[in-house]
Amino acid sequence: MIEQILPDESSSGSKISPVYLCMHGHFYQPPREDPFTGTIPVEPGATPFANYNEKITSECYRPNTEEGNFEAISYDLGPTLAAWLEKAHPDVYQQIIVADQHHRERYHVGNAMAQAYNHTILPLATARDKYTQIVWGLQDFRHRYGHEAHGLWLAETAMDLESLDLMAQCGITYTILAPWQATEPIEPTEPYIVPLHNGRSMTVFFYNAPLSGGVSFDWNTTNDADAFAAHYLPEQLARNKSTAGEAQLILVATDGELYGHHKPWRDKFLARLIQHGAAASGFEVCTLERYMCLHPATKEVRLCEPSAWSCGHGVARWDSGCECTEGDSSWKGALRQALVHLAQRSDSLFEQYAGELLADPWAARNDYLAVRNGWETTGSFWARHGNQQHKPDDLQQDQQVQRALLLLEAQYYQQYSFTSCGFFFEDLDRIEPRNNIAFARRAISLIWQALGIDLQPDFVNDLQAARSWRSHLTGADLYRQLPVVSPALLPPLAKQ
């Protein structure tokens, strides 16, 4: 055990205080693939790389695996990024996955956390969609890591109590939040318990805001890992807890891409900090689940809901818009309403037509990820979800099977259309909102193929209300600028 004695205390009156440091990296990329072709278009801003996934892999993901950083830090690997890495750079992907295995072998707990599947702002989702996002994230984690996840990273740390309770029902025991998401002052060097329904609870770790912000945005903070450990870390310890000899944890949580991509060479800073600097200054590098085993939370806390780490207005940044982004952000509310209206129409059709063969269409949707990705056989899927407890085999019902699968696939892309990145930035006329609209169009296409029902006109009409304050293009304009697809996949859209 590494311990610290405050320097201004006399040796006769000092008390030993075990102090720990946890560095958490949120590693995530939004889906960049064209939903019709599955390929990532060339992204000129990533030159000399073909796209940003390749650029960030070279600058961040690969260097951090080579430094061994993933084995010591707490981290989450977003499912959309994991799926891309697995295909494009399997060696990097495997080293990230094995890091959790090595941590489990050493400490008997993992250091990887799961993530809600599509980086959706859960407080803005329906309860049904929240649950799907959580279970898809946990299924993805189980497939990749070979064990159940106990921690789950919430996109933008956006939470409400319903989301936390659904997580707890799924076996999640802890998550990470910003300190201002608590309703009362908290001591960020210790975890807290959030009481939920029917005796359930969630352990919450609050990250250290000054250090997390400094590491993210102040170049001077990360110039020297040894100086960071010797000077910045001790300043964040609670003196009363040090005097009482109580354990303390300093949690620094940032986007993982910070280490090498957003800030060149900061992968080296992270490696030096966790391999030498922290220990030299009396801090033991520790991960969150391990800390929970050593020092379980004892105090309760109430939370502000809904709330997030990068919006001072609840979750308005991804909903109606707010001053957290420059310019006129009213496009956000209009885009969200267009997507919500589309989802409501799609859900109604899904429930009606997929329900012809599926005993519970929504339970089938929750299990669809596994059969879609080949982790489960179609026979097993239909045995659990089919009305006849097996896949129908006559010609007429075979057509219904294909229709049900197309509608399930439409639900899959509908979830993608709510990716948080589409609402995060300042303007509609960017690649992120375009991608969300493109995923919605893919869902529309699948419904058209399944049912011959065209949801385009109403959706495009709704998109007219979303307007860029820079280019003055509307969401309907962005929809019409998407790559042309075959009429067999989608009927031509009537001209304005």
Protein backbone atom coordinates (compact mmCIF):
# COMPACT_ATOMS: atom_id res chain seq x y z
CA MET A 1 0.00 0.00 0.00
CA ILE A 2 1.30 3.43 -0.95
CA GLU A 3 0.59 6.05 1.67
CA GLN A 4 1.04 9.77 2.06
CA ILE A 5 1.84 12.01 5.02
CA LEU A 6 1.07 15.69 4.56
CA PRO A 7 4.39 17.60 4.52
CA ASP A 8 3.46 20.22 7.12
CA GLU A 9 2.43 17.68 9.74
CA SER A 10 4.92 16.62 12.38
CA SER A 11 5.87 12.97 12.31
CA SER A 12 4.49 12.50 15.82
CA GLY A 13 1.03 13.85 14.99
CA SER A 14 0.60 12.72 11.39
CA LYS A 15 -1.78 10.03 10.25
CA ILE A 16 -1.27 7.76 7.31
CA SER A 17 -3.70 8.37 4.44
CA PRO A 18 -3.81 5.87 1.57
CA VAL A 19 -4.21 7.84 -1.64
CA TYR A 20 -5.11 6.56 -5.08
CA LEU A 21 -5.17 7.93 -8.59
CA CYS A 22 -7.54 6.72 -11.31
CA MET A 23 -7.18 7.95 -14.88
CA HIS A 24 -10.30 7.24 -16.95
CA GLY A 25 -10.34 7.45 -20.73
CA HIS A 26 -13.61 7.58 -22.67
CA PHE A 27 -12.60 6.14 -26.04
CA TYR A 28 -15.28 6.67 -28.65
CA GLN A 29 -15.86 7.57 -32.27
CA PRO A 30 -19.27 8.11 -33.84
CA PRO A 31 -20.22 5.85 -36.73
CA ARG A 32 -18.85 7.41 -39.92
CA GLU A 33 -19.88 4.71 -42.38
CA ASP A 34 -22.35 5.35 -45.17
CA PRO A 35 -25.29 3.26 -43.90
CA PHE A 36 -26.02 1.93 -47.39
CA THR A 37 -22.46 0.93 -48.38
CA GLY A 38 -20.81 0.34 -44.99
CA THR A 39 -17.75 2.33 -46.09
CA ILE A 40 -16.38 5.54 -44.61
CA PRO A 41 -16.24 8.35 -47.18
CA VAL A 42 -12.89 10.09 -47.61
CA GLU A 43 -12.56 12.86 -45.02
CA PRO A 44 -10.21 15.58 -46.36
CA GLY A 45 -9.62 17.03 -42.89
CA ALA A 46 -7.89 13.80 -41.88
CA THR A 47 -5.22 14.04 -44.60
CA PRO A 48 -2.82 12.25 -45.04
CA PHE A 49 -5.16 9.59 -43.62
CA ALA A 50 -8.30 8.47 -45.44
CA ASN A 51 -10.55 9.34 -42.50
CA TYR A 52 -10.48 10.42 -38.88
CA ASN A 53 -10.74 6.88 -37.53
CA GLU A 54 -7.44 6.07 -39.24
CA LYS A 55 -5.84 9.32 -38.09
CA ILE A 56 -6.87 8.88 -34.47
CA THR A 57 -5.79 5.24 -34.45
CA SER A 58 -2.31 6.28 -35.55
CA GLU A 59 -2.08 9.17 -33.10
CA CYS A 60 -3.87 7.71 -30.08
CA TYR A 61 -5.20 4.16 -30.00
CA ARG A 62 -2.07 2.42 -31.27
CA PRO A 63 0.44 4.47 -29.22
CA ASN A 64 -1.53 3.94 -26.01
CA THR A 65 -1.63 0.17 -26.55
CA GLU A 66 2.10 0.16 -27.25
CA GLU A 67 2.75 2.11 -24.05
CA GLY A 68 0.65 -0.39 -22.06
CA ASN A 69 -1.65 2.39 -20.82
CA PHE A 70 -4.86 0.43 -21.20
CA GLU A 71 -3.79 -2.09 -18.57
CA ALA A 72 -3.50 0.55 -15.83
CA ILE A 73 -6.25 3.04 -16.52
CA SER A 74 -10.02 2.78 -16.29
CA TYR A 75 -11.54 2.98 -19.76
CA ASP A 76 -14.57 2.43 -21.94
CA LEU A 77 -14.39 1.52 -25.62
CA GLY A 78 -17.50 2.62 -27.50
CA PRO A 79 -19.18 -0.19 -29.46
CA THR A 80 -19.13 1.68 -32.79
CA LEU A 81 -15.39 2.32 -32.40
CA ALA A 82 -14.74 -1.24 -31.21
CA ALA A 83 -16.53 -2.70 -34.25
CA TRP A 84 -14.47 -0.55 -36.62
CA LEU A 85 -11.16 -1.29 -34.88
CA GLU A 86 -11.88 -5.01 -34.87
CA LYS A 87 -12.09 -4.99 -38.67
CA ALA A 88 -9.61 -2.26 -39.59
CA HIS A 89 -6.87 -2.75 -36.96
CA PRO A 90 -7.41 -6.10 -35.22
CA ASP A 91 -4.00 -5.97 -33.51
CA VAL A 92 -4.84 -2.67 -31.78
CA TYR A 93 -8.33 -3.89 -30.94
CA GLN A 94 -7.02 -7.12 -29.42
CA GLN A 95 -4.50 -5.32 -27.22
CA ILE A 96 -7.25 -3.08 -25.83
CA ILE A 97 -9.47 -6.08 -25.06
CA VAL A 98 -6.61 -8.11 -23.54
CA ALA A 99 -5.75 -5.20 -21.24
CA ASP A 100 -8.96 -5.85 -19.30
CA GLN A 101 -8.12 -9.56 -19.15
CA HIS A 102 -4.69 -8.83 -17.68
CA HIS A 103 -6.23 -6.49 -15.12
CA ARG A 104 -8.69 -9.21 -14.11
CA GLU A 105 -5.89 -11.73 -13.77
CA ARG A 106 -3.99 -9.39 -11.47
CA TYR A 107 -6.78 -7.83 -9.40
CA HIS A 108 -9.78 -10.15 -9.96
CA VAL A 109 -11.84 -7.28 -11.38
CA GLY A 110 -11.83 -5.67 -14.81
CA ASN A 111 -10.87 -2.11 -15.66
CA ALA A 112 -13.07 -1.74 -18.77
CA MET A 113 -16.52 -0.19 -18.54
CA ALA A 114 -19.38 -0.69 -20.97
CA GLN A 115 -21.10 2.16 -22.79
CA ALA A 116 -24.69 2.78 -23.82
CA TYR A 117 -24.59 1.49 -27.38
CA ASN A 118 -25.14 4.49 -29.67
CA HIS A 119 -23.81 7.27 -27.45
CA THR A 120 -27.41 8.39 -27.04
CA ILE A 121 -28.32 11.06 -24.49
CA LEU A 122 -30.36 8.68 -22.37
CA PRO A 123 -32.46 11.25 -20.44
CA LEU A 124 -33.89 12.36 -23.81
CA ALA A 125 -34.80 8.83 -24.88
CA THR A 126 -37.98 6.91 -24.13
CA ALA A 127 -37.77 4.31 -21.36
CA ARG A 128 -37.94 1.58 -24.01
CA ASP A 129 -35.06 3.09 -25.98
CA LYS A 130 -33.02 3.64 -22.82
CA TYR A 131 -33.34 -0.03 -22.01
CA THR A 132 -32.36 -1.08 -25.54
CA GLN A 133 -29.31 1.20 -25.47
CA ILE A 134 -28.20 -0.26 -22.15
CA VAL A 135 -28.74 -3.92 -23.03
CA TRP A 136 -27.12 -3.54 -26.45
CA GLY A 137 -24.10 -1.94 -24.79
CA LEU A 138 -23.89 -4.78 -22.28
CA GLN A 139 -24.32 -7.46 -24.95
CA ASP A 140 -21.55 -5.87 -27.00
CA PHE A 141 -19.30 -5.76 -23.93
CA ARG A 142 -20.00 -9.38 -23.01
CA HIS A 143 -19.18 -10.54 -26.53
CA ARG A 144 -15.91 -8.63 -26.66
CA TYR A 145 -14.57 -9.10 -23.14
CA GLY A 146 -16.06 -12.46 -22.25
CA HIS A 147 -17.59 -11.37 -18.95
CA GLU A 148 -20.35 -9.15 -17.60
CA ALA A 149 -19.78 -5.41 -17.27
CA HIS A 150 -20.24 -3.85 -13.83
CA GLY A 151 -19.62 -0.24 -14.82
CA LEU A 152 -21.24 1.72 -17.64
CA TRP A 153 -20.18 5.05 -19.13
CA LEU A 154 -23.09 7.35 -19.96
CA ALA A 155 -22.68 9.49 -23.07
CA GLU A 156 -21.69 12.99 -21.89
CA THR A 157 -22.34 11.58 -18.37
CA ALA A 158 -25.97 12.51 -19.14
CA MET A 159 -28.27 10.90 -16.60
CA ASP A 160 -31.66 10.78 -15.00
CA LEU A 161 -32.78 8.42 -12.25
CA GLU A 162 -34.78 6.27 -14.65
CA SER A 163 -31.60 5.56 -16.64
CA LEU A 164 -29.64 4.71 -13.50
CA ASP A 165 -32.41 2.42 -12.30
CA LEU A 166 -32.54 0.57 -15.63
CA MET A 167 -28.76 0.19 -15.45
CA ALA A 168 -29.04 -1.25 -11.94
CA GLN A 169 -31.71 -3.69 -13.11
CA CYS A 170 -29.23 -4.88 -15.75
CA GLY A 171 -26.49 -5.54 -13.18
CA ILE A 172 -24.53 -2.28 -13.45
CA THR A 173 -23.11 -1.22 -10.09
CA TYR A 174 -21.19 2.01 -10.84
CA THR A 175 -20.80 4.94 -13.20
CA ILE A 176 -18.94 8.26 -13.46
CA LEU A 177 -20.50 11.72 -13.12
CA ALA A 178 -19.40 15.35 -12.90
CA PRO A 179 -19.42 16.90 -9.41
CA TRP A 180 -22.01 19.51 -10.41
CA GLN A 181 -24.48 16.71 -11.13
CA ALA A 182 -24.97 16.32 -7.38
CA THR A 183 -27.62 18.49 -5.73
CA GLU A 184 -25.39 19.22 -2.76
CA PRO A 185 -21.65 19.73 -2.19
CA ILE A 186 -19.79 16.42 -2.34
CA GLU A 187 -16.28 15.28 -1.50
CA PRO A 188 -14.93 14.15 -4.89
CA THR A 189 -12.24 11.97 -3.33
CA GLU A 190 -14.79 9.31 -2.39
CA PRO A 191 -17.64 7.43 -4.15
CA TYR A 192 -21.29 7.86 -3.20
CA ILE A 193 -24.42 5.73 -3.24
CA VAL A 194 -27.49 6.84 -5.18
CA PRO A 195 -30.67 5.16 -3.83
CA LEU A 196 -33.01 3.92 -6.55
CA HIS A 197 -36.32 2.04 -6.71
CA ASN A 198 -37.14 -1.14 -4.79
CA GLY A 199 -33.90 -1.13 -2.82
CA ARG A 200 -31.66 -0.85 -5.87
CA SER A 201 -28.73 1.58 -5.85
CA MET A 202 -25.86 2.86 -7.97
CA THR A 203 -22.35 3.79 -6.88
CA VAL A 204 -21.24 7.07 -8.42
CA PHE A 205 -17.67 8.27 -8.77
CA PHE A 206 -17.39 12.04 -9.23
CA TYR A 207 -14.38 13.06 -11.27
CA ASN A 208 -12.04 15.78 -10.10
CA ALA A 209 -13.15 18.82 -12.08
CA PRO A 210 -10.03 21.04 -11.80
CA LEU A 211 -7.68 18.25 -12.85
CA SER A 212 -9.94 16.76 -15.51
CA GLY A 213 -10.45 20.22 -16.99
CA GLY A 214 -6.76 21.04 -16.75
CA VAL A 215 -5.69 17.82 -18.42
CA SER A 216 -8.25 18.38 -21.16
CA PHE A 217 -7.76 22.05 -21.95
CA ASP A 218 -4.56 23.44 -20.37
CA TRP A 219 -1.37 22.44 -22.13
CA ASN A 220 0.79 23.39 -19.14
CA THR A 221 -0.97 20.88 -16.88
CA THR A 222 0.32 17.93 -18.90
CA ASN A 223 3.79 19.19 -19.78
CA ASP A 224 5.50 17.08 -17.10
CA ALA A 225 3.96 13.94 -15.60
CA ASP A 226 6.26 13.97 -12.58
CA ALA A 227 5.41 17.59 -11.79
CA PHE A 228 1.72 16.83 -12.28
CA ALA A 229 1.93 14.05 -9.69
CA ALA A 230 4.10 16.00 -7.26
CA HIS A 231 2.24 19.31 -7.33
CA TYR A 232 -1.20 19.10 -8.92
CA LEU A 233 -2.39 15.86 -7.31
CA PRO A 234 -1.65 16.67 -3.63
CA GLU A 235 -3.52 19.97 -3.95
CA GLN A 236 -6.73 18.04 -4.61
CA LEU A 237 -6.62 15.89 -1.48
CA ALA A 238 -9.07 16.62 1.33
CA ARG A 239 -7.01 17.72 4.32
CA ASN A 240 -9.54 16.53 6.88
CA LYS A 241 -9.51 13.05 5.36
CA SER A 242 -5.73 13.02 5.23
CA THR A 243 -5.58 13.99 8.89
CA ALA A 244 -8.05 11.24 9.77
CA GLY A 245 -6.10 8.69 7.76
CA GLU A 246 -9.02 7.99 5.43
CA ALA A 247 -8.55 6.61 1.93
CA GLN A 248 -8.90 9.04 -0.96
CA LEU A 249 -9.26 8.62 -4.69
CA ILE A 250 -8.54 11.29 -7.27
CA LEU A 251 -10.39 10.49 -10.48
CA VAL A 252 -9.32 12.26 -13.69
CA ALA A 253 -11.86 11.56 -16.44
CA THR A 254 -11.39 12.79 -20.01
CA ASP A 255 -12.00 11.80 -23.59
CA GLY A 256 -9.46 9.07 -24.33
CA GLU A 257 -8.53 10.69 -27.64
CA LEU A 258 -6.92 13.48 -25.64
CA TYR A 259 -3.86 11.26 -25.15
CA GLY A 260 -2.11 11.62 -28.48
CA HIS A 261 -4.77 12.97 -30.84
CA HIS A 262 -6.22 16.15 -29.32
CA LYS A 263 -2.88 16.66 -27.56
CA PRO A 264 0.14 15.20 -29.34
CA TRP A 265 2.51 13.11 -27.20
CA ARG A 266 0.16 13.08 -24.22
CA ASP A 267 0.14 9.29 -24.51
CA LYS A 268 3.73 9.61 -23.24
CA PHE A 269 2.54 11.83 -20.39
CA LEU A 270 -0.04 9.22 -19.40
CA ALA A 271 2.49 6.39 -19.55
CA ARG A 272 5.01 8.27 -17.42
CA LEU A 273 2.34 9.25 -14.89
CA ILE A 274 0.96 5.75 -14.32
CA GLN A 275 4.30 3.97 -14.53
CA HIS A 276 6.44 6.30 -12.42
CA GLY A 277 5.17 9.77 -11.52
CA ALA A 278 2.15 8.78 -9.42
CA ALA A 279 4.02 6.22 -7.31
CA ALA A 280 6.97 8.56 -6.82
CA SER A 281 4.61 11.10 -5.26
CA GLY A 282 2.83 8.61 -3.01
CA PHE A 283 -0.20 7.74 -5.15
CA GLU A 284 -1.24 4.23 -6.07
CA VAL A 285 -2.71 3.91 -9.54
CA CYS A 286 -6.07 2.20 -9.14
CA THR A 287 -9.16 1.52 -11.22
CA LEU A 288 -12.74 2.11 -10.15
CA GLU A 289 -14.10 -1.37 -9.54
CA ARG A 290 -10.94 -2.29 -7.67
CA TYR A 291 -11.35 0.81 -5.50
CA MET A 292 -14.97 -0.19 -4.80
CA CYS A 293 -13.71 -3.52 -3.50
CA LEU A 294 -11.11 -1.85 -1.30
CA HIS A 295 -13.18 1.10 -0.05
CA PRO A 296 -16.94 0.74 -0.74
CA ALA A 297 -19.08 3.85 -0.75
CA THR A 298 -20.87 4.60 2.52
CA LYS A 299 -22.56 7.97 1.97
CA GLU A 300 -25.67 8.70 -0.07
CA VAL A 301 -26.10 11.56 -2.54
CA ARG A 302 -28.96 13.10 -4.48
CA LEU A 303 -28.50 14.02 -8.12
CA CYS A 304 -29.69 16.79 -10.42
CA GLU A 305 -31.77 15.29 -13.20
CA PRO A 306 -31.46 15.49 -16.06
CA SER A 307 -27.86 16.63 -16.10
CA ALA A 308 -24.60 16.12 -18.01
CA TRP A 309 -20.92 17.03 -17.85
CA SER A 310 -20.82 19.48 -20.78
CA CYS A 311 -24.09 21.40 -20.47
CA GLY A 312 -25.03 23.84 -17.76
CA HIS A 313 -28.70 23.66 -18.74
CA GLY A 314 -29.53 20.06 -17.91
CA VAL A 315 -29.39 18.36 -21.31
CA ALA A 316 -30.67 21.28 -23.44
CA ARG A 317 -27.49 21.18 -25.51
CA TRP A 318 -28.82 18.03 -27.23
CA ASP A 319 -32.49 18.98 -27.11
CA SER A 320 -33.91 22.47 -27.58
CA GLY A 321 -30.50 24.17 -27.72
CA CYS A 322 -28.82 26.57 -25.30
CA GLU A 323 -25.94 29.02 -24.88
CA CYS A 324 -23.45 26.17 -24.45
CA THR A 325 -22.87 26.46 -28.21
CA GLU A 326 -22.50 29.66 -30.22
CA GLY A 327 -25.06 30.97 -32.66
CA ASP A 328 -28.73 30.12 -33.05
CA SER A 329 -29.17 26.63 -31.64
CA SER A 330 -32.90 26.35 -32.36
CA TRP A 331 -32.08 23.88 -35.16
CA LYS A 332 -31.41 21.28 -32.48
CA GLY A 333 -34.99 21.19 -31.25
CA ALA A 334 -36.31 21.06 -34.81
CA LEU A 335 -33.96 18.22 -35.79
CA ARG A 336 -34.82 16.26 -32.67
CA GLN A 337 -38.55 16.70 -33.24
CA ALA A 338 -38.19 15.46 -36.81
CA LEU A 339 -36.34 12.36 -35.60
CA VAL A 340 -38.80 11.76 -32.75
CA HIS A 341 -41.80 12.02 -35.08
CA LEU A 342 -40.13 9.59 -37.50
CA ALA A 343 -39.37 7.17 -34.65
CA GLN A 344 -42.98 7.29 -33.45
CA ARG A 345 -44.28 6.38 -36.91
CA SER A 346 -41.61 3.71 -37.32
CA ASP A 347 -42.32 2.20 -33.90
CA SER A 348 -46.02 1.93 -34.65
CA LEU A 349 -45.35 0.08 -37.90
CA PHE A 350 -42.77 -2.15 -36.24
CA GLU A 351 -45.13 -3.14 -33.47
CA GLN A 352 -47.96 -3.84 -35.90
CA TYR A 353 -46.16 -5.82 -38.59
CA ALA A 354 -43.24 -7.42 -36.74
CA GLY A 355 -45.77 -8.50 -34.13
CA GLU A 356 -47.31 -10.86 -36.68
CA LEU A 357 -44.45 -13.30 -36.09
CA LEU A 358 -42.68 -12.06 -32.95
CA ALA A 359 -44.28 -12.78 -29.57
CA ASP A 360 -42.89 -9.52 -28.16
CA PRO A 361 -41.35 -7.28 -30.86
CA TRP A 362 -39.59 -5.07 -28.30
CA ALA A 363 -37.98 -8.00 -26.49
CA ALA A 364 -36.88 -9.23 -29.92
CA ARG A 365 -35.36 -5.81 -30.64
CA ASN A 366 -33.40 -5.99 -27.41
CA ASP A 367 -31.90 -9.31 -28.54
CA TYR A 368 -31.49 -8.36 -32.20
CA LEU A 369 -27.89 -7.13 -31.89
CA ALA A 370 -26.60 -10.64 -31.20
CA VAL A 371 -28.30 -12.29 -34.17
CA ARG A 372 -27.47 -9.35 -36.46
CA ASN A 373 -23.78 -9.60 -35.62
CA GLY A 374 -23.67 -13.38 -35.81
CA TRP A 375 -23.17 -13.90 -32.09
CA GLU A 376 -26.36 -15.95 -31.96
CA THR A 377 -27.91 -18.28 -34.55
CA THR A 378 -31.16 -17.31 -36.23
CA GLY A 379 -32.62 -20.60 -35.01
CA SER A 380 -31.93 -19.71 -31.41
CA PHE A 381 -33.33 -16.21 -31.91
CA TRP A 382 -36.60 -17.46 -33.40
CA ALA A 383 -36.91 -20.21 -30.79
CA ARG A 384 -37.00 -17.51 -28.11
CA HIS A 385 -38.95 -14.79 -29.90
CA GLY A 386 -41.10 -16.38 -32.59
CA ASN A 387 -44.82 -16.91 -32.02
CA GLN A 388 -44.31 -20.56 -32.99
CA GLN A 389 -41.04 -20.81 -31.01
CA HIS A 390 -39.19 -21.48 -34.25
CA LYS A 391 -38.62 -19.78 -37.59
CA PRO A 392 -41.66 -20.32 -39.86
CA ASP A 393 -40.80 -22.37 -42.94
CA ASP A 394 -43.70 -22.03 -45.37
CA LEU A 395 -43.43 -19.56 -48.27
CA GLN A 396 -46.01 -17.05 -47.08
CA GLN A 397 -44.58 -16.84 -43.62
CA ASP A 398 -41.04 -16.76 -44.98
CA GLN A 399 -41.99 -13.43 -46.56
CA GLN A 400 -43.21 -12.29 -43.16
CA VAL A 401 -39.89 -13.38 -41.64
CA GLN A 402 -37.99 -11.25 -44.13
CA ARG A 403 -40.31 -8.35 -43.38
CA ALA A 404 -39.75 -8.73 -39.63
CA LEU A 405 -35.97 -8.79 -40.13
CA LEU A 406 -36.09 -5.67 -42.29
CA LEU A 407 -38.14 -3.91 -39.62
CA LEU A 408 -35.68 -4.98 -36.92
CA GLU A 409 -32.87 -3.60 -39.05
CA ALA A 410 -34.81 -0.36 -39.41
CA GLN A 411 -34.98 -0.16 -35.61
CA TYR A 412 -31.22 -0.68 -35.49
CA TYR A 413 -30.55 2.33 -37.72
CA GLN A 414 -33.23 4.37 -36.02
CA GLN A 415 -31.19 4.09 -32.82
CA TYR A 416 -28.14 5.40 -34.72
CA SER A 417 -30.06 8.50 -35.79
CA PHE A 418 -30.05 9.74 -32.18
CA THR A 419 -26.24 9.65 -31.79
CA SER A 420 -25.37 12.55 -29.48
CA CYS A 421 -22.70 14.01 -31.78
CA GLY A 422 -25.42 15.14 -34.17
CA PHE A 423 -26.61 17.64 -31.56
CA PHE A 424 -23.39 18.49 -29.71
CA PHE A 425 -21.83 21.13 -31.94
CA GLU A 426 -22.84 24.65 -32.88
CA ASP A 427 -24.42 24.27 -36.32
CA LEU A 428 -26.68 22.03 -38.37
CA ASP A 429 -24.51 22.16 -41.49
CA ARG A 430 -21.84 19.77 -40.23
CA ILE A 431 -20.99 16.13 -40.86
CA GLU A 432 -22.47 14.96 -37.53
CA PRO A 433 -26.08 16.10 -38.11
CA ARG A 434 -25.79 14.93 -41.72
CA ASN A 435 -24.85 11.49 -40.47
CA ASN A 436 -27.82 11.34 -38.10
CA ILE A 437 -30.11 12.27 -41.00
CA ALA A 438 -28.42 9.64 -43.17
CA PHE A 439 -29.06 6.94 -40.56
CA ALA A 440 -32.71 8.02 -40.38
CA ARG A 441 -32.92 7.70 -44.18
CA ARG A 442 -31.54 4.17 -43.94
CA ALA A 443 -34.32 3.30 -41.50
CA ILE A 444 -36.87 4.83 -43.88
CA SER A 445 -35.43 2.73 -46.72
CA LEU A 446 -35.73 -0.50 -44.75
CA ILE A 447 -39.35 0.27 -43.86
CA TRP A 448 -40.04 0.96 -47.54
CA GLN A 449 -38.50 -2.37 -48.52
CA ALA A 450 -40.46 -4.19 -45.84
CA LEU A 451 -43.87 -2.57 -46.19
CA GLY A 452 -43.93 -0.34 -49.26
CA ILE A 453 -44.69 2.60 -46.97
CA ASP A 454 -42.69 5.76 -47.68
CA LEU A 455 -42.00 7.87 -44.60
CA GLN A 456 -39.81 10.33 -46.50
CA PRO A 457 -42.32 13.11 -47.24
CA ASP A 458 -43.33 13.73 -43.63
CA PHE A 459 -39.75 13.45 -42.39
CA VAL A 460 -38.39 15.87 -44.96
CA ASN A 461 -41.25 18.26 -44.25
CA ASP A 462 -40.33 18.16 -40.54
CA LEU A 463 -36.67 18.76 -41.41
CA GLN A 464 -37.60 22.05 -43.10
CA ALA A 465 -37.87 23.61 -39.63
CA ALA A 466 -34.20 22.92 -38.83
CA ARG A 467 -31.99 25.62 -40.35
CA SER A 468 -28.27 26.33 -40.25
CA TRP A 469 -27.51 29.81 -38.97
CA ARG A 470 -24.29 29.82 -40.99
CA SER A 471 -25.13 28.42 -44.42
CA HIS A 472 -28.94 28.79 -44.08
CA LEU A 473 -29.40 25.26 -45.41
CA THR A 474 -32.28 23.36 -43.86
CA GLY A 475 -32.38 19.78 -42.68
CA ALA A 476 -34.45 19.03 -45.79
CA ASP A 477 -31.60 20.43 -47.91
CA LEU A 478 -29.13 18.16 -46.13
CA TYR A 479 -31.44 15.18 -46.73
CA ARG A 480 -31.65 15.94 -50.45
CA GLN A 481 -27.84 16.23 -50.64
CA LEU A 482 -27.32 12.66 -49.43
CA PRO A 483 -25.92 10.21 -52.02
CA VAL A 484 -28.48 8.87 -54.46
CA VAL A 485 -29.58 5.28 -53.91
CA SER A 486 -31.39 2.78 -56.11
CA PRO A 487 -35.18 3.21 -56.46
CA ALA A 488 -35.45 -0.38 -55.24
CA LEU A 489 -34.10 0.82 -51.90
CA LEU A 490 -35.98 4.10 -51.71
CA PRO A 491 -38.48 5.82 -54.00
CA PRO A 492 -37.36 9.15 -55.48
CA LEU A 493 -38.27 12.13 -53.34
CA ALA A 494 -40.64 14.57 -54.96
CA LYS A 495 -38.98 17.80 -56.03
CA GLN A 496 -39.69 20.96 -54.10
